[in-house]
Amino acid sequence: MRQNHTPGREVLAGWPEVLRTGDVQEILGVGRKEVYRLIANGALPAVRAGRGYRILKAALVEWLEGGKAP
């Protein structure tokens, strides 16, 4: 029997459902500019919240698993 392996969900198990850009930086191991580039290019959906952005954990999981984020 084949198991459904979801590495994105495992990596993000302890994180909140709504992430800040700093959280995404830490998870991905990239700099601030790279996170903002992903958001600007539409690769990673985010919502503007004050002076920053918020990213749904589900969107990041989808992106990590190689699919398109919702």
Protein backbone atom coordinates (compact mmCIF):
# COMPACT_ATOMS: atom_id res chain seq x y z
CA MET A 1 0.00 0.00 0.00
CA ARG A 2 1.34 3.42 -0.94
CA GLN A 3 1.32 6.10 1.74
CA ASN A 4 0.51 9.71 1.00
CA HIS A 5 3.77 11.47 1.86
CA THR A 6 3.39 15.21 2.38
CA PRO A 7 6.76 16.77 3.27
CA GLY A 8 5.33 20.28 3.38
CA ARG A 9 2.87 19.40 6.11
CA GLU A 10 5.59 17.71 8.17
CA VAL A 11 7.90 20.73 7.94
CA LEU A 12 5.14 23.11 9.03
CA ALA A 13 3.58 20.98 11.77
CA GLY A 14 4.40 23.37 14.64
CA TRP A 15 3.69 26.64 12.84
CA PRO A 16 0.48 28.72 13.10
CA GLU A 17 -2.14 28.65 10.33
CA VAL A 18 -1.30 32.23 9.29
CA LEU A 19 2.37 33.04 8.79
CA ARG A 20 4.30 36.29 8.65
CA THR A 21 7.00 36.91 6.07
CA GLY A 22 9.65 36.37 8.76
CA ASP A 23 8.19 32.94 9.47
CA VAL A 24 8.35 32.05 5.78
CA GLN A 25 11.98 33.24 5.67
CA GLU A 26 12.86 30.94 8.55
CA ILE A 27 10.96 27.96 7.12
CA LEU A 28 12.47 28.29 3.63
CA GLY A 29 15.92 29.46 4.73
CA VAL A 30 15.84 32.45 2.39
CA GLY A 31 16.13 36.19 2.81
CA ARG A 32 13.44 38.83 3.04
CA LYS A 33 13.87 39.90 -0.58
CA GLU A 34 13.26 36.35 -1.83
CA VAL A 35 10.00 36.03 0.13
CA TYR A 36 8.80 39.39 -1.21
CA ARG A 37 9.81 38.34 -4.74
CA LEU A 38 7.71 35.17 -4.43
CA ILE A 39 4.76 37.28 -3.28
CA ALA A 40 5.25 39.93 -5.99
CA ASN A 41 5.46 37.27 -8.73
CA GLY A 42 2.26 35.65 -7.52
CA ALA A 43 4.01 32.37 -6.75
CA LEU A 44 3.06 32.66 -3.09
CA PRO A 45 -0.35 34.21 -2.35
CA ALA A 46 -0.32 36.69 0.51
CA VAL A 47 -2.63 39.25 2.04
CA ARG A 48 -1.46 42.73 2.95
CA ALA A 49 -1.80 43.32 6.70
CA GLY A 50 -0.69 46.76 7.78
CA ARG A 51 2.91 47.20 6.69
CA GLY A 52 3.51 43.50 6.12
CA TYR A 53 2.00 40.40 4.56
CA ARG A 54 0.34 37.28 5.90
CA ILE A 55 0.60 33.92 4.17
CA LEU A 56 -1.73 30.99 4.82
CA LYS A 57 0.13 27.89 5.91
CA ALA A 58 -1.98 25.86 3.46
CA ALA A 59 -0.72 28.02 0.58
CA LEU A 60 2.89 27.50 1.62
CA VAL A 61 2.35 23.73 1.97
CA GLU A 62 0.87 23.61 -1.53
CA TRP A 63 3.82 25.57 -2.90
CA LEU A 64 6.33 23.32 -1.09
CA GLU A 65 4.66 20.22 -2.52
CA GLY A 66 5.18 21.53 -6.03
CA GLY A 67 1.63 22.49 -6.83
CA LYS A 68 0.18 25.91 -7.34
CA ALA A 69 -0.84 27.70 -4.21
CA PRO A 70 -4.56 28.48 -3.86
